[in-house]
Amino acid sequence: MTIANLFNPAIGALQRAMDLRSVRHRVISSNIANLDTPNYKAFEMVLKEESGRLHQAGALAQTHRGHLLPRGQAFGGVEIRRTEEPPHGVPKGDGNTVDIDREMADLAENTLLYNASARVISKQFHALKTIIQGGK
């Protein structure tokens, strides 16, 4: 039995989901920080394929922290691009496309999903620890 087989496959999928949530958090935080910057075009993160296929293929592996910064290029099925048109068709006078209500709602949702993944992975490791200790 190899070490890779010792761990539940859900742990790897949860890790990749948490990595993706972390990247999304950085994108949303960047948008919020630039709320009052004239002509700032908000970033959005788009999954180019359904998330199930991404997780199965392990396409969200990150080899360097800077690889997933907003640059408008696809990386492993994830694209971070600028929003040219303001959401809901309401342009701001300064050319900024950040919608604070949308960003705050996205941030709250992303935080909830990240925390849920963290709780599940914590329970997975607790179960593994219990098995290793022989149920003690």
C-alpha atoms as a PDB file:
ATOM      1  CA  MET A   1       0.000   0.000   0.000  1.00  0.00           C
ATOM      2  CA  THR A   2       1.417   3.381  -0.991  1.00  0.00           C
ATOM      3  CA  ILE A   3       1.068   6.624   0.924  1.00  0.00           C
ATOM      4  CA  ALA A   4      -1.152   7.995  -1.859  1.00  0.00           C
ATOM      5  CA  ASN A   5      -3.626   5.160  -1.311  1.00  0.00           C
ATOM      6  CA  LEU A   6      -3.684   5.762   2.441  1.00  0.00           C
ATOM      7  CA  PHE A   7      -5.523   9.061   2.096  1.00  0.00           C
ATOM      8  CA  ASN A   8      -9.124   9.387   1.037  1.00  0.00           C
ATOM      9  CA  PRO A   9      -9.375  10.830  -2.509  1.00  0.00           C
ATOM     10  CA  ALA A  10     -11.747  13.453  -1.116  1.00  0.00           C
ATOM     11  CA  ILE A  11      -8.824  15.107   0.677  1.00  0.00           C
ATOM     12  CA  GLY A  12      -7.118  15.938  -2.621  1.00  0.00           C
ATOM     13  CA  ALA A  13     -10.341  17.254  -4.128  1.00  0.00           C
ATOM     14  CA  LEU A  14     -10.992  19.366  -1.040  1.00  0.00           C
ATOM     15  CA  GLN A  15      -7.451  20.729  -1.160  1.00  0.00           C
ATOM     16  CA  ARG A  16      -7.908  21.777  -4.785  1.00  0.00           C
ATOM     17  CA  ALA A  17     -11.291  23.326  -3.957  1.00  0.00           C
ATOM     18  CA  MET A  18      -9.713  25.314  -1.121  1.00  0.00           C
ATOM     19  CA  ASP A  19      -6.901  26.456  -3.427  1.00  0.00           C
ATOM     20  CA  LEU A  20      -9.493  27.663  -5.931  1.00  0.00           C
ATOM     21  CA  ARG A  21     -11.451  29.466  -3.188  1.00  0.00           C
ATOM     22  CA  SER A  22      -8.237  31.122  -2.021  1.00  0.00           C
ATOM     23  CA  VAL A  23      -7.536  32.435  -5.519  1.00  0.00           C
ATOM     24  CA  ARG A  24     -11.123  33.682  -5.820  1.00  0.00           C
ATOM     25  CA  HIS A  25     -10.763  35.452  -2.470  1.00  0.00           C
ATOM     26  CA  ARG A  26      -7.684  37.295  -3.747  1.00  0.00           C
ATOM     27  CA  VAL A  27      -9.517  38.341  -6.920  1.00  0.00           C
ATOM     28  CA  ILE A  28     -12.548  39.635  -5.001  1.00  0.00           C
ATOM     29  CA  SER A  29     -10.349  41.408  -2.438  1.00  0.00           C
ATOM     30  CA  SER A  30      -8.449  43.131  -5.241  1.00  0.00           C
ATOM     31  CA  ASN A  31     -11.725  44.358  -6.715  1.00  0.00           C
ATOM     32  CA  ILE A  32     -12.932  45.701  -3.359  1.00  0.00           C
ATOM     33  CA  ALA A  33      -9.598  47.422  -2.696  1.00  0.00           C
ATOM     34  CA  ASN A  34      -9.904  49.244  -6.033  1.00  0.00           C
ATOM     35  CA  LEU A  35     -13.515  50.331  -5.596  1.00  0.00           C
ATOM     36  CA  ASP A  36     -12.647  54.025  -5.873  1.00  0.00           C
ATOM     37  CA  THR A  37      -9.893  53.727  -8.490  1.00  0.00           C
ATOM     38  CA  PRO A  38     -10.949  55.566 -11.660  1.00  0.00           C
ATOM     39  CA  ASN A  39     -11.074  53.406 -14.814  1.00  0.00           C
ATOM     40  CA  TYR A  40     -10.348  50.225 -12.813  1.00  0.00           C
ATOM     41  CA  LYS A  41     -11.808  47.196 -14.560  1.00  0.00           C
ATOM     42  CA  ALA A  42     -12.888  44.540 -12.085  1.00  0.00           C
ATOM     43  CA  PHE A  43     -11.575  41.003 -12.392  1.00  0.00           C
ATOM     44  CA  GLU A  44     -13.766  37.938 -12.491  1.00  0.00           C
ATOM     45  CA  MET A  45     -12.787  34.302 -12.207  1.00  0.00           C
ATOM     46  CA  VAL A  46     -14.327  31.956 -14.743  1.00  0.00           C
ATOM     47  CA  LEU A  47     -14.161  28.184 -14.780  1.00  0.00           C
ATOM     48  CA  LYS A  48     -13.650  27.147 -18.380  1.00  0.00           C
ATOM     49  CA  GLU A  49     -14.755  23.575 -17.709  1.00  0.00           C
ATOM     50  CA  GLU A  50     -17.104  22.048 -15.189  1.00  0.00           C
ATOM     51  CA  SER A  51     -15.460  21.823 -11.778  1.00  0.00           C
ATOM     52  CA  GLY A  52     -15.862  18.042 -11.534  1.00  0.00           C
ATOM     53  CA  ARG A  53     -13.590  17.499 -14.513  1.00  0.00           C
ATOM     54  CA  LEU A  54     -11.078  19.983 -13.125  1.00  0.00           C
ATOM     55  CA  HIS A  55     -10.868  18.167  -9.811  1.00  0.00           C
ATOM     56  CA  GLN A  56     -10.560  14.735 -11.425  1.00  0.00           C
ATOM     57  CA  ALA A  57      -7.801  15.869 -13.734  1.00  0.00           C
ATOM     58  CA  GLY A  58      -5.914  17.682 -10.976  1.00  0.00           C
ATOM     59  CA  ALA A  59      -5.742  20.699 -13.284  1.00  0.00           C
ATOM     60  CA  LEU A  60      -5.554  23.248 -10.488  1.00  0.00           C
ATOM     61  CA  ALA A  61      -2.085  22.310  -9.268  1.00  0.00           C
ATOM     62  CA  GLN A  62      -0.106  25.416  -8.349  1.00  0.00           C
ATOM     63  CA  THR A  63       3.664  25.279  -8.725  1.00  0.00           C
ATOM     64  CA  HIS A  64       4.367  28.891  -7.773  1.00  0.00           C
ATOM     65  CA  ARG A  65       2.293  31.399  -5.776  1.00  0.00           C
ATOM     66  CA  GLY A  66       2.472  34.010  -8.572  1.00  0.00           C
ATOM     67  CA  HIS A  67       1.097  31.728 -11.290  1.00  0.00           C
ATOM     68  CA  LEU A  68      -2.533  32.421 -10.457  1.00  0.00           C
ATOM     69  CA  LEU A  69      -2.380  36.191 -10.252  1.00  0.00           C
ATOM     70  CA  PRO A  70      -4.932  38.063 -12.377  1.00  0.00           C
ATOM     71  CA  ARG A  71      -3.297  38.323 -15.774  1.00  0.00           C
ATOM     72  CA  GLY A  72      -6.215  37.494 -18.063  1.00  0.00           C
ATOM     73  CA  GLN A  73      -4.790  34.124 -19.070  1.00  0.00           C
ATOM     74  CA  ALA A  74      -6.237  30.670 -18.577  1.00  0.00           C
ATOM     75  CA  PHE A  75      -4.529  28.331 -16.131  1.00  0.00           C
ATOM     76  CA  GLY A  76      -5.726  24.757 -15.859  1.00  0.00           C
ATOM     77  CA  GLY A  77      -9.310  25.496 -16.828  1.00  0.00           C
ATOM     78  CA  VAL A  78      -9.517  28.688 -14.760  1.00  0.00           C
ATOM     79  CA  GLU A  79      -9.429  32.094 -16.370  1.00  0.00           C
ATOM     80  CA  ILE A  80      -9.151  35.381 -14.516  1.00  0.00           C
ATOM     81  CA  ARG A  81     -10.157  38.248 -16.758  1.00  0.00           C
ATOM     82  CA  ARG A  82     -11.154  41.876 -16.553  1.00  0.00           C
ATOM     83  CA  THR A  83     -14.814  42.863 -16.637  1.00  0.00           C
ATOM     84  CA  GLU A  84     -15.175  45.365 -19.453  1.00  0.00           C
ATOM     85  CA  GLU A  85     -18.877  45.992 -18.971  1.00  0.00           C
ATOM     86  CA  PRO A  86     -20.243  46.855 -15.543  1.00  0.00           C
ATOM     87  CA  PRO A  87     -22.602  44.234 -14.110  1.00  0.00           C
ATOM     88  CA  HIS A  88     -26.305  44.982 -14.356  1.00  0.00           C
ATOM     89  CA  GLY A  89     -25.616  47.560 -17.088  1.00  0.00           C
ATOM     90  CA  VAL A  90     -25.209  50.491 -14.678  1.00  0.00           C
ATOM     91  CA  PRO A  91     -22.013  52.345 -15.598  1.00  0.00           C
ATOM     92  CA  LYS A  92     -20.225  54.462 -13.023  1.00  0.00           C
ATOM     93  CA  GLY A  93     -19.130  57.922 -14.057  1.00  0.00           C
ATOM     94  CA  ASP A  94     -15.429  57.230 -13.472  1.00  0.00           C
ATOM     95  CA  GLY A  95     -15.186  54.106 -15.673  1.00  0.00           C
ATOM     96  CA  ASN A  96     -14.788  51.755 -12.713  1.00  0.00           C
ATOM     97  CA  THR A  97     -16.651  48.436 -13.150  1.00  0.00           C
ATOM     98  CA  VAL A  98     -16.590  47.259  -9.496  1.00  0.00           C
ATOM     99  CA  ASP A  99     -20.073  46.589  -8.078  1.00  0.00           C
ATOM    100  CA  ILE A 100     -19.542  46.597  -4.306  1.00  0.00           C
ATOM    101  CA  ASP A 101     -22.817  44.802  -3.565  1.00  0.00           C
ATOM    102  CA  ARG A 102     -21.963  41.976  -5.937  1.00  0.00           C
ATOM    103  CA  GLU A 103     -18.381  41.749  -4.657  1.00  0.00           C
ATOM    104  CA  MET A 104     -19.458  41.589  -1.005  1.00  0.00           C
ATOM    105  CA  ALA A 105     -22.044  38.900  -1.780  1.00  0.00           C
ATOM    106  CA  ASP A 106     -19.427  36.922  -3.730  1.00  0.00           C
ATOM    107  CA  LEU A 107     -16.951  37.322  -0.868  1.00  0.00           C
ATOM    108  CA  ALA A 108     -19.472  36.070   1.694  1.00  0.00           C
ATOM    109  CA  GLU A 109     -20.371  33.059  -0.470  1.00  0.00           C
ATOM    110  CA  ASN A 110     -16.726  32.254  -1.158  1.00  0.00           C
ATOM    111  CA  THR A 111     -15.860  32.476   2.552  1.00  0.00           C
ATOM    112  CA  LEU A 112     -18.697  30.128   3.486  1.00  0.00           C
ATOM    113  CA  LEU A 113     -17.635  27.575   0.878  1.00  0.00           C
ATOM    114  CA  TYR A 114     -13.967  27.790   1.907  1.00  0.00           C
ATOM    115  CA  ASN A 115     -14.852  27.312   5.588  1.00  0.00           C
ATOM    116  CA  ALA A 116     -17.111  24.372   4.772  1.00  0.00           C
ATOM    117  CA  SER A 117     -14.290  22.697   2.831  1.00  0.00           C
ATOM    118  CA  ALA A 118     -11.885  23.375   5.696  1.00  0.00           C
ATOM    119  CA  ARG A 119     -14.269  21.744   8.193  1.00  0.00           C
ATOM    120  CA  VAL A 120     -14.746  18.679   6.011  1.00  0.00           C
ATOM    121  CA  ILE A 121     -11.020  18.216   5.427  1.00  0.00           C
ATOM    122  CA  SER A 122     -10.408  18.685   9.172  1.00  0.00           C
ATOM    123  CA  LYS A 123     -12.878  15.890   9.906  1.00  0.00           C
ATOM    124  CA  GLN A 124     -11.136  13.685   7.325  1.00  0.00           C
ATOM    125  CA  PHE A 125      -7.785  14.192   9.074  1.00  0.00           C
ATOM    126  CA  HIS A 126      -9.359  13.650  12.491  1.00  0.00           C
ATOM    127  CA  ALA A 127     -10.780  10.337  11.261  1.00  0.00           C
ATOM    128  CA  LEU A 128      -7.360   9.369   9.878  1.00  0.00           C
ATOM    129  CA  LYS A 129      -5.733  10.247  13.212  1.00  0.00           C
ATOM    130  CA  THR A 130      -8.299   8.125  15.061  1.00  0.00           C
ATOM    131  CA  ILE A 131      -7.548   5.177  12.779  1.00  0.00           C
ATOM    132  CA  ILE A 132      -3.792   5.565  13.288  1.00  0.00           C
ATOM    133  CA  GLN A 133      -4.214   5.724  17.070  1.00  0.00           C
ATOM    134  CA  GLY A 134      -6.385   2.627  17.009  1.00  0.00           C
ATOM    135  CA  GLY A 135      -9.620   4.325  18.048  1.00  0.00           C
ATOM    136  CA  LYS A 136      -8.176   5.984  21.160  1.00  0.00           C
END
